[in-house]
Amino acid sequence: MNKYESVVIINPNVDEAGLKALEDKFTGLINANGKVAEVENMGKKKLAYDIKKNKEAYYMVFKFEANPTLIAELERVYRITDEVLKFITTRNID
């Protein structure tokens, strides 16, 4: 299994319960096929440029171990989740 880090930018109009639900959804998907090492909610931050007419957004960082096949499914779920504005998943080389 490889180590990955996924940064997800979430719509600023989502409330705390919605953020927790998204965190649970993504960690559940990762844990089904891998292992979450850490989840960091970085809070609301100002964006460098507007994304879908938003000047701010919530940032969440997921650090996990998984097989490469999980990444395609995880990114598919990110794409179809309306609250996700942008995301990036990178493989960590240790």
PDB file of N, CA and C in Angstrom:
ATOM      1  N   MET A   1       0.838  -1.183   0.000  1.00  0.00           N
ATOM      2  CA  MET A   1       0.000   0.000   0.000  1.00  0.00           C
ATOM      3  C   MET A   1       0.881   1.244   0.000  1.00  0.00           C
ATOM      4  N   ASN A   2       0.420   2.259  -0.715  1.00  0.00           N
ATOM      5  CA  ASN A   2       1.134   3.529  -0.808  1.00  0.00           C
ATOM      6  C   ASN A   2       0.531   4.546   0.147  1.00  0.00           C
ATOM      7  N   LYS A   3       1.326   5.556   0.483  1.00  0.00           N
ATOM      8  CA  LYS A   3       0.841   6.649   1.327  1.00  0.00           C
ATOM      9  C   LYS A   3       0.390   7.792   0.431  1.00  0.00           C
ATOM     10  N   TYR A   4      -0.749   8.380   0.760  1.00  0.00           N
ATOM     11  CA  TYR A   4      -1.319   9.465  -0.024  1.00  0.00           C
ATOM     12  C   TYR A   4      -1.740  10.612   0.882  1.00  0.00           C
ATOM     13  N   GLU A   5      -1.863  11.784   0.262  1.00  0.00           N
ATOM     14  CA  GLU A   5      -2.414  12.951   0.939  1.00  0.00           C
ATOM     15  C   GLU A   5      -3.420  13.578  -0.014  1.00  0.00           C
ATOM     16  N   SER A   6      -4.594  13.849   0.494  1.00  0.00           N
ATOM     17  CA  SER A   6      -5.658  14.409  -0.323  1.00  0.00           C
ATOM     18  C   SER A   6      -6.129  15.710   0.316  1.00  0.00           C
ATOM     19  N   VAL A   7      -6.082  16.804  -0.446  1.00  0.00           N
ATOM     20  CA  VAL A   7      -6.562  18.100   0.023  1.00  0.00           C
ATOM     21  C   VAL A   7      -7.879  18.380  -0.696  1.00  0.00           C
ATOM     22  N   VAL A   8      -8.915  18.655   0.095  1.00  0.00           N
ATOM     23  CA  VAL A   8     -10.250  18.884  -0.452  1.00  0.00           C
ATOM     24  C   VAL A   8     -10.695  20.284  -0.054  1.00  0.00           C
ATOM     25  N   ILE A   9     -11.146  21.071  -1.034  1.00  0.00           N
ATOM     26  CA  ILE A   9     -11.655  22.421  -0.791  1.00  0.00           C
ATOM     27  C   ILE A   9     -13.179  22.344  -0.865  1.00  0.00           C
ATOM     28  N   ILE A  10     -13.826  22.762   0.232  1.00  0.00           N
ATOM     29  CA  ILE A  10     -15.272  22.578   0.392  1.00  0.00           C
ATOM     30  C   ILE A  10     -15.983  23.927   0.437  1.00  0.00           C
ATOM     31  N   ASN A  11     -17.159  23.980  -0.165  1.00  0.00           N
ATOM     32  CA  ASN A  11     -17.997  25.176  -0.227  1.00  0.00           C
ATOM     33  C   ASN A  11     -18.133  25.824   1.155  1.00  0.00           C
ATOM     34  N   PRO A  12     -17.963  27.154   1.244  1.00  0.00           N
ATOM     35  CA  PRO A  12     -18.027  27.823   2.549  1.00  0.00           C
ATOM     36  C   PRO A  12     -19.430  27.882   3.152  1.00  0.00           C
ATOM     37  N   ASN A  13     -20.458  27.578   2.388  1.00  0.00           N
ATOM     38  CA  ASN A  13     -21.834  27.623   2.887  1.00  0.00           C
ATOM     39  C   ASN A  13     -22.239  26.357   3.645  1.00  0.00           C
ATOM     40  N   VAL A  14     -21.346  25.376   3.708  1.00  0.00           N
ATOM     41  CA  VAL A  14     -21.631  24.140   4.430  1.00  0.00           C
ATOM     42  C   VAL A  14     -21.496  24.405   5.928  1.00  0.00           C
ATOM     43  N   ASP A  15     -22.465  23.918   6.710  1.00  0.00           N
ATOM     44  CA  ASP A  15     -22.399  24.116   8.166  1.00  0.00           C
ATOM     45  C   ASP A  15     -21.518  23.043   8.820  1.00  0.00           C
ATOM     46  N   GLU A  16     -21.337  23.148  10.147  1.00  0.00           N
ATOM     47  CA  GLU A  16     -20.462  22.219  10.878  1.00  0.00           C
ATOM     48  C   GLU A  16     -20.934  20.772  10.750  1.00  0.00           C
ATOM     49  N   ALA A  17     -22.238  20.556  10.815  1.00  0.00           N
ATOM     50  CA  ALA A  17     -22.774  19.199  10.679  1.00  0.00           C
ATOM     51  C   ALA A  17     -22.496  18.649   9.280  1.00  0.00           C
ATOM     52  N   GLY A  18     -22.597  19.514   8.276  1.00  0.00           N
ATOM     53  CA  GLY A  18     -22.302  19.109   6.907  1.00  0.00           C
ATOM     54  C   GLY A  18     -20.838  18.760   6.718  1.00  0.00           C
ATOM     55  N   LEU A  19     -19.952  19.539   7.346  1.00  0.00           N
ATOM     56  CA  LEU A  19     -18.514  19.246   7.276  1.00  0.00           C
ATOM     57  C   LEU A  19     -18.207  17.899   7.915  1.00  0.00           C
ATOM     58  N   LYS A  20     -18.817  17.650   9.064  1.00  0.00           N
ATOM     59  CA  LYS A  20     -18.598  16.375   9.761  1.00  0.00           C
ATOM     60  C   LYS A  20     -19.126  15.218   8.922  1.00  0.00           C
ATOM     61  N   ALA A  21     -20.265  15.414   8.266  1.00  0.00           N
ATOM     62  CA  ALA A  21     -20.836  14.370   7.413  1.00  0.00           C
ATOM     63  C   ALA A  21     -19.918  14.069   6.233  1.00  0.00           C
ATOM     64  N   LEU A  22     -19.343  15.116   5.629  1.00  0.00           N
ATOM     65  CA  LEU A  22     -18.412  14.913   4.516  1.00  0.00           C
ATOM     66  C   LEU A  22     -17.149  14.200   4.991  1.00  0.00           C
ATOM     67  N   GLU A  23     -16.639  14.615   6.147  1.00  0.00           N
ATOM     68  CA  GLU A  23     -15.449  13.960   6.704  1.00  0.00           C
ATOM     69  C   GLU A  23     -15.723  12.478   6.937  1.00  0.00           C
ATOM     70  N   ASP A  24     -16.875  12.162   7.516  1.00  0.00           N
ATOM     71  CA  ASP A  24     -17.243  10.765   7.766  1.00  0.00           C
ATOM     72  C   ASP A  24     -17.406   9.985   6.463  1.00  0.00           C
ATOM     73  N   LYS A  25     -17.990  10.623   5.462  1.00  0.00           N
ATOM     74  CA  LYS A  25     -18.195   9.976   4.161  1.00  0.00           C
ATOM     75  C   LYS A  25     -16.856   9.608   3.523  1.00  0.00           C
ATOM     76  N   PHE A  26     -15.925  10.564   3.499  1.00  0.00           N
ATOM     77  CA  PHE A  26     -14.635  10.326   2.850  1.00  0.00           C
ATOM     78  C   PHE A  26     -13.764   9.362   3.653  1.00  0.00           C
ATOM     79  N   THR A  27     -13.748   9.488   4.975  1.00  0.00           N
ATOM     80  CA  THR A  27     -12.950   8.557   5.781  1.00  0.00           C
ATOM     81  C   THR A  27     -13.526   7.144   5.710  1.00  0.00           C
ATOM     82  N   GLY A  28     -14.842   7.029   5.637  1.00  0.00           N
ATOM     83  CA  GLY A  28     -15.463   5.715   5.496  1.00  0.00           C
ATOM     84  C   GLY A  28     -15.067   5.041   4.197  1.00  0.00           C
ATOM     85  N   LEU A  29     -15.050   5.809   3.123  1.00  0.00           N
ATOM     86  CA  LEU A  29     -14.647   5.274   1.824  1.00  0.00           C
ATOM     87  C   LEU A  29     -13.184   4.837   1.845  1.00  0.00           C
ATOM     88  N   ILE A  30     -12.330   5.658   2.435  1.00  0.00           N
ATOM     89  CA  ILE A  30     -10.901   5.323   2.507  1.00  0.00           C
ATOM     90  C   ILE A  30     -10.693   4.093   3.390  1.00  0.00           C
ATOM     91  N   ASN A  31     -11.343   4.051   4.555  1.00  0.00           N
ATOM     92  CA  ASN A  31     -11.162   2.928   5.481  1.00  0.00           C
ATOM     93  C   ASN A  31     -11.684   1.609   4.921  1.00  0.00           C
ATOM     94  N   ALA A  32     -12.615   1.661   3.983  1.00  0.00           N
ATOM     95  CA  ALA A  32     -13.129   0.437   3.370  1.00  0.00           C
ATOM     96  C   ALA A  32     -12.056  -0.253   2.533  1.00  0.00           C
ATOM     97  N   ASN A  33     -11.107   0.518   2.014  1.00  0.00           N
ATOM     98  CA  ASN A  33     -10.073  -0.037   1.130  1.00  0.00           C
ATOM     99  C   ASN A  33      -8.664   0.369   1.529  1.00  0.00           C
ATOM    100  N   GLY A  34      -8.501   0.933   2.697  1.00  0.00           N
ATOM    101  CA  GLY A  34      -7.183   1.394   3.133  1.00  0.00           C
ATOM    102  C   GLY A  34      -7.232   1.755   4.604  1.00  0.00           C
ATOM    103  N   LYS A  35      -6.399   2.720   4.984  1.00  0.00           N
ATOM    104  CA  LYS A  35      -6.329   3.111   6.396  1.00  0.00           C
ATOM    105  C   LYS A  35      -6.042   4.602   6.490  1.00  0.00           C
ATOM    106  N   VAL A  36      -6.930   5.329   7.155  1.00  0.00           N
ATOM    107  CA  VAL A  36      -6.734   6.765   7.363  1.00  0.00           C
ATOM    108  C   VAL A  36      -5.744   6.953   8.505  1.00  0.00           C
ATOM    109  N   ALA A  37      -4.686   7.729   8.253  1.00  0.00           N
ATOM    110  CA  ALA A  37      -3.696   8.020   9.288  1.00  0.00           C
ATOM    111  C   ALA A  37      -4.066   9.286  10.046  1.00  0.00           C
ATOM    112  N   GLU A  38      -4.577  10.289   9.309  1.00  0.00           N
ATOM    113  CA  GLU A  38      -4.872  11.580   9.940  1.00  0.00           C
ATOM    114  C   GLU A  38      -5.876  12.346   9.090  1.00  0.00           C
ATOM    115  N   VAL A  39      -6.772  13.060   9.757  1.00  0.00           N
ATOM    116  CA  VAL A  39      -7.693  13.980   9.089  1.00  0.00           C
ATOM    117  C   VAL A  39      -7.523  15.329   9.761  1.00  0.00           C
ATOM    118  N   GLU A  40      -7.243  16.347   8.956  1.00  0.00           N
ATOM    119  CA  GLU A  40      -7.044  17.689   9.500  1.00  0.00           C
ATOM    120  C   GLU A  40      -8.035  18.650   8.856  1.00  0.00           C
ATOM    121  N   ASN A  41      -8.875  19.256   9.684  1.00  0.00           N
ATOM    122  CA  ASN A  41      -9.788  20.286   9.210  1.00  0.00           C
ATOM    123  C   ASN A  41      -9.079  21.620   9.428  1.00  0.00           C
ATOM    124  N   MET A  42      -8.660  22.255   8.350  1.00  0.00           N
ATOM    125  CA  MET A  42      -7.888  23.490   8.448  1.00  0.00           C
ATOM    126  C   MET A  42      -8.773  24.721   8.586  1.00  0.00           C
ATOM    127  N   GLY A  43     -10.082  24.531   8.567  1.00  0.00           N
ATOM    128  CA  GLY A  43     -11.000  25.649   8.742  1.00  0.00           C
ATOM    129  C   GLY A  43     -11.221  26.429   7.459  1.00  0.00           C
ATOM    130  N   LYS A  44     -11.863  27.580   7.619  1.00  0.00           N
ATOM    131  CA  LYS A  44     -12.190  28.428   6.473  1.00  0.00           C
ATOM    132  C   LYS A  44     -11.009  29.333   6.170  1.00  0.00           C
ATOM    133  N   LYS A  45     -10.600  29.351   4.906  1.00  0.00           N
ATOM    134  CA  LYS A  45      -9.469  30.175   4.479  1.00  0.00           C
ATOM    135  C   LYS A  45      -9.858  30.987   3.249  1.00  0.00           C
ATOM    136  N   LYS A  46      -9.184  32.106   3.078  1.00  0.00           N
ATOM    137  CA  LYS A  46      -9.379  32.942   1.897  1.00  0.00           C
ATOM    138  C   LYS A  46      -8.702  32.262   0.712  1.00  0.00           C
ATOM    139  N   LEU A  47      -9.396  32.217  -0.409  1.00  0.00           N
ATOM    140  CA  LEU A  47      -8.855  31.600  -1.617  1.00  0.00           C
ATOM    141  C   LEU A  47      -7.993  32.592  -2.390  1.00  0.00           C
ATOM    142  N   ALA A  48      -7.010  32.094  -3.098  1.00  0.00           N
ATOM    143  CA  ALA A  48      -6.140  32.942  -3.911  1.00  0.00           C
ATOM    144  C   ALA A  48      -6.914  33.545  -5.083  1.00  0.00           C
ATOM    145  N   TYR A  49      -7.916  32.823  -5.557  1.00  0.00           N
ATOM    146  CA  TYR A  49      -8.787  33.308  -6.629  1.00  0.00           C
ATOM    147  C   TYR A  49     -10.172  32.701  -6.413  1.00  0.00           C
ATOM    148  N   ASP A  50     -11.178  33.322  -7.000  1.00  0.00           N
ATOM    149  CA  ASP A  50     -12.550  32.843  -6.829  1.00  0.00           C
ATOM    150  C   ASP A  50     -12.720  31.465  -7.471  1.00  0.00           C
ATOM    151  N   ILE A  51     -13.363  30.572  -6.748  1.00  0.00           N
ATOM    152  CA  ILE A  51     -13.714  29.254  -7.267  1.00  0.00           C
ATOM    153  C   ILE A  51     -15.229  29.148  -7.184  1.00  0.00           C
ATOM    154  N   LYS A  52     -15.872  29.070  -8.333  1.00  0.00           N
ATOM    155  CA  LYS A  52     -17.340  29.021  -8.409  1.00  0.00           C
ATOM    156  C   LYS A  52     -17.958  30.158  -7.602  1.00  0.00           C
ATOM    157  N   LYS A  53     -17.411  31.355  -7.788  1.00  0.00           N
ATOM    158  CA  LYS A  53     -17.872  32.609  -7.178  1.00  0.00           C
ATOM    159  C   LYS A  53     -17.715  32.645  -5.654  1.00  0.00           C
ATOM    160  N   ASN A  54     -16.845  31.822  -5.111  1.00  0.00           N
ATOM    161  CA  ASN A  54     -16.566  31.821  -3.673  1.00  0.00           C
ATOM    162  C   ASN A  54     -15.192  32.422  -3.417  1.00  0.00           C
ATOM    163  N   LYS A  55     -15.104  33.302  -2.431  1.00  0.00           N
ATOM    164  CA  LYS A  55     -13.837  33.922  -2.066  1.00  0.00           C
ATOM    165  C   LYS A  55     -13.158  33.195  -0.907  1.00  0.00           C
ATOM    166  N   GLU A  56     -13.933  32.385  -0.177  1.00  0.00           N
ATOM    167  CA  GLU A  56     -13.426  31.596   0.943  1.00  0.00           C
ATOM    168  C   GLU A  56     -13.910  30.161   0.792  1.00  0.00           C
ATOM    169  N   ALA A  57     -13.234  29.252   1.485  1.00  0.00           N
ATOM    170  CA  ALA A  57     -13.664  27.854   1.477  1.00  0.00           C
ATOM    171  C   ALA A  57     -13.027  27.123   2.649  1.00  0.00           C
ATOM    172  N   TYR A  58     -13.618  25.982   2.991  1.00  0.00           N
ATOM    173  CA  TYR A  58     -13.042  25.116   4.016  1.00  0.00           C
ATOM    174  C   TYR A  58     -12.012  24.195   3.374  1.00  0.00           C
ATOM    175  N   TYR A  59     -10.924  23.973   4.078  1.00  0.00           N
ATOM    176  CA  TYR A  59      -9.885  23.053   3.628  1.00  0.00           C
ATOM    177  C   TYR A  59      -9.866  21.840   4.549  1.00  0.00           C
ATOM    178  N   MET A  60      -9.816  20.644   3.957  1.00  0.00           N
ATOM    179  CA  MET A  60      -9.658  19.404   4.712  1.00  0.00           C
ATOM    180  C   MET A  60      -8.524  18.609   4.101  1.00  0.00           C
ATOM    181  N   VAL A  61      -7.672  18.055   4.958  1.00  0.00           N
ATOM    182  CA  VAL A  61      -6.539  17.252   4.502  1.00  0.00           C
ATOM    183  C   VAL A  61      -6.701  15.837   5.051  1.00  0.00           C
ATOM    184  N   PHE A  62      -6.650  14.866   4.161  1.00  0.00           N
ATOM    185  CA  PHE A  62      -6.719  13.451   4.540  1.00  0.00           C
ATOM    186  C   PHE A  62      -5.374  12.815   4.236  1.00  0.00           C
ATOM    187  N   LYS A  63      -4.742  12.222   5.239  1.00  0.00           N
ATOM    188  CA  LYS A  63      -3.501  11.463   5.043  1.00  0.00           C
ATOM    189  C   LYS A  63      -3.853  10.006   5.270  1.00  0.00           C
ATOM    190  N   PHE A  64      -3.506   9.152   4.291  1.00  0.00           N
ATOM    191  CA  PHE A  64      -3.944   7.761   4.373  1.00  0.00           C
ATOM    192  C   PHE A  64      -3.038   6.838   3.582  1.00  0.00           C
ATOM    193  N   GLU A  65      -3.197   5.537   3.844  1.00  0.00           N
ATOM    194  CA  GLU A  65      -2.525   4.482   3.091  1.00  0.00           C
ATOM    195  C   GLU A  65      -3.593   3.708   2.337  1.00  0.00           C
ATOM    196  N   ALA A  66      -3.319   3.422   1.075  1.00  0.00           N
ATOM    197  CA  ALA A  66      -4.300   2.690   0.272  1.00  0.00           C
ATOM    198  C   ALA A  66      -3.633   2.121  -0.973  1.00  0.00           C
ATOM    199  N   ASN A  67      -4.344   1.224  -1.620  1.00  0.00           N
ATOM    200  CA  ASN A  67      -3.902   0.714  -2.910  1.00  0.00           C
ATOM    201  C   ASN A  67      -4.235   1.748  -3.982  1.00  0.00           C
ATOM    202  N   PRO A  68      -3.466   1.783  -5.063  1.00  0.00           N
ATOM    203  CA  PRO A  68      -3.708   2.779  -6.123  1.00  0.00           C
ATOM    204  C   PRO A  68      -5.103   2.715  -6.735  1.00  0.00           C
ATOM    205  N   THR A  69      -5.761   1.583  -6.678  1.00  0.00           N
ATOM    206  CA  THR A  69      -7.102   1.467  -7.264  1.00  0.00           C
ATOM    207  C   THR A  69      -8.133   2.309  -6.516  1.00  0.00           C
ATOM    208  N   LEU A  70      -7.893   2.590  -5.241  1.00  0.00           N
ATOM    209  CA  LEU A  70      -8.831   3.397  -4.456  1.00  0.00           C
ATOM    210  C   LEU A  70      -8.871   4.844  -4.931  1.00  0.00           C
ATOM    211  N   ILE A  71      -7.769   5.349  -5.442  1.00  0.00           N
ATOM    212  CA  ILE A  71      -7.662   6.770  -5.782  1.00  0.00           C
ATOM    213  C   ILE A  71      -8.683   7.161  -6.845  1.00  0.00           C
ATOM    214  N   ALA A  72      -8.852   6.351  -7.860  1.00  0.00           N
ATOM    215  CA  ALA A  72      -9.825   6.659  -8.919  1.00  0.00           C
ATOM    216  C   ALA A  72     -11.238   6.736  -8.346  1.00  0.00           C
ATOM    217  N   GLU A  73     -11.587   5.802  -7.474  1.00  0.00           N
ATOM    218  CA  GLU A  73     -12.925   5.803  -6.860  1.00  0.00           C
ATOM    219  C   GLU A  73     -13.097   6.997  -5.933  1.00  0.00           C
ATOM    220  N   LEU A  74     -12.079   7.309  -5.148  1.00  0.00           N
ATOM    221  CA  LEU A  74     -12.143   8.443  -4.228  1.00  0.00           C
ATOM    222  C   LEU A  74     -12.327   9.751  -4.999  1.00  0.00           C
ATOM    223  N   GLU A  75     -11.568   9.936  -6.066  1.00  0.00           N
ATOM    224  CA  GLU A  75     -11.684  11.158  -6.863  1.00  0.00           C
ATOM    225  C   GLU A  75     -13.024  11.222  -7.597  1.00  0.00           C
ATOM    226  N   ARG A  76     -13.577  10.082  -7.968  1.00  0.00           N
ATOM    227  CA  ARG A  76     -14.915  10.059  -8.580  1.00  0.00           C
ATOM    228  C   ARG A  76     -15.951  10.564  -7.571  1.00  0.00           C
ATOM    229  N   VAL A  77     -15.826  10.124  -6.335  1.00  0.00           N
ATOM    230  CA  VAL A  77     -16.752  10.572  -5.286  1.00  0.00           C
ATOM    231  C   VAL A  77     -16.574  12.065  -5.028  1.00  0.00           C
ATOM    232  N   TYR A  78     -15.331  12.553  -5.018  1.00  0.00           N
ATOM    233  CA  TYR A  78     -15.098  13.997  -4.870  1.00  0.00           C
ATOM    234  C   TYR A  78     -15.817  14.766  -5.977  1.00  0.00           C
ATOM    235  N   ARG A  79     -15.703  14.282  -7.219  1.00  0.00           N
ATOM    236  CA  ARG A  79     -16.299  14.986  -8.365  1.00  0.00           C
ATOM    237  C   ARG A  79     -17.821  15.066  -8.284  1.00  0.00           C
ATOM    238  N   ILE A  80     -18.458  14.020  -7.795  1.00  0.00           N
ATOM    239  CA  ILE A  80     -19.926  14.012  -7.780  1.00  0.00           C
ATOM    240  C   ILE A  80     -20.510  14.597  -6.493  1.00  0.00           C
ATOM    241  N   THR A  81     -19.664  14.973  -5.550  1.00  0.00           N
ATOM    242  CA  THR A  81     -20.131  15.604  -4.313  1.00  0.00           C
ATOM    243  C   THR A  81     -20.239  17.102  -4.559  1.00  0.00           C
ATOM    244  N   ASP A  82     -21.455  17.635  -4.480  1.00  0.00           N
ATOM    245  CA  ASP A  82     -21.713  19.037  -4.821  1.00  0.00           C
ATOM    246  C   ASP A  82     -20.938  20.022  -3.961  1.00  0.00           C
ATOM    247  N   GLU A  83     -20.701  19.695  -2.700  1.00  0.00           N
ATOM    248  CA  GLU A  83     -20.034  20.626  -1.789  1.00  0.00           C
ATOM    249  C   GLU A  83     -18.540  20.768  -2.062  1.00  0.00           C
ATOM    250  N   VAL A  84     -17.942  19.834  -2.788  1.00  0.00           N
ATOM    251  CA  VAL A  84     -16.501  19.879  -3.076  1.00  0.00           C
ATOM    252  C   VAL A  84     -16.257  20.814  -4.257  1.00  0.00           C
ATOM    253  N   LEU A  85     -15.449  21.855  -4.014  1.00  0.00           N
ATOM    254  CA  LEU A  85     -15.120  22.809  -5.076  1.00  0.00           C
ATOM    255  C   LEU A  85     -13.910  22.342  -5.875  1.00  0.00           C
ATOM    256  N   LYS A  86     -12.876  21.890  -5.179  1.00  0.00           N
ATOM    257  CA  LYS A  86     -11.649  21.400  -5.817  1.00  0.00           C
ATOM    258  C   LYS A  86     -11.014  20.363  -4.914  1.00  0.00           C
ATOM    259  N   PHE A  87     -10.110  19.565  -5.493  1.00  0.00           N
ATOM    260  CA  PHE A  87      -9.381  18.567  -4.710  1.00  0.00           C
ATOM    261  C   PHE A  87      -8.096  18.215  -5.434  1.00  0.00           C
ATOM    262  N   ILE A  88      -7.150  17.679  -4.680  1.00  0.00           N
ATOM    263  CA  ILE A  88      -5.936  17.126  -5.267  1.00  0.00           C
ATOM    264  C   ILE A  88      -5.467  15.994  -4.368  1.00  0.00           C
ATOM    265  N   THR A  89      -5.050  14.905  -4.983  1.00  0.00           N
ATOM    266  CA  THR A  89      -4.523  13.766  -4.246  1.00  0.00           C
ATOM    267  C   THR A  89      -3.118  13.496  -4.757  1.00  0.00           C
ATOM    268  N   THR A  90      -2.167  13.427  -3.832  1.00  0.00           N
ATOM    269  CA  THR A  90      -0.774  13.177  -4.200  1.00  0.00           C
ATOM    270  C   THR A  90      -0.252  11.969  -3.442  1.00  0.00           C
ATOM    271  N   ARG A  91       0.693  11.272  -4.053  1.00  0.00           N
ATOM    272  CA  ARG A  91       1.335  10.131  -3.398  1.00  0.00           C
ATOM    273  C   ARG A  91       2.557  10.633  -2.661  1.00  0.00           C
ATOM    274  N   ASN A  92       2.694  10.249  -1.407  1.00  0.00           N
ATOM    275  CA  ASN A  92       3.859  10.632  -0.616  1.00  0.00           C
ATOM    276  C   ASN A  92       4.950   9.593  -0.798  1.00  0.00           C
ATOM    277  N   ILE A  93       6.150  10.054  -1.073  1.00  0.00           N
ATOM    278  CA  ILE A  93       7.290   9.160  -1.221  1.00  0.00           C
ATOM    279  C   ILE A  93       8.179   9.347  -0.002  1.00  0.00           C
ATOM    280  N   ASP A  94       8.251   8.310   0.814  1.00  0.00           N
ATOM    281  CA  ASP A  94       9.068   8.383   2.032  1.00  0.00           C
ATOM    282  C   ASP A  94      10.329   7.578   1.893  1.00  0.00           C
TER     283      ASP A  94
END
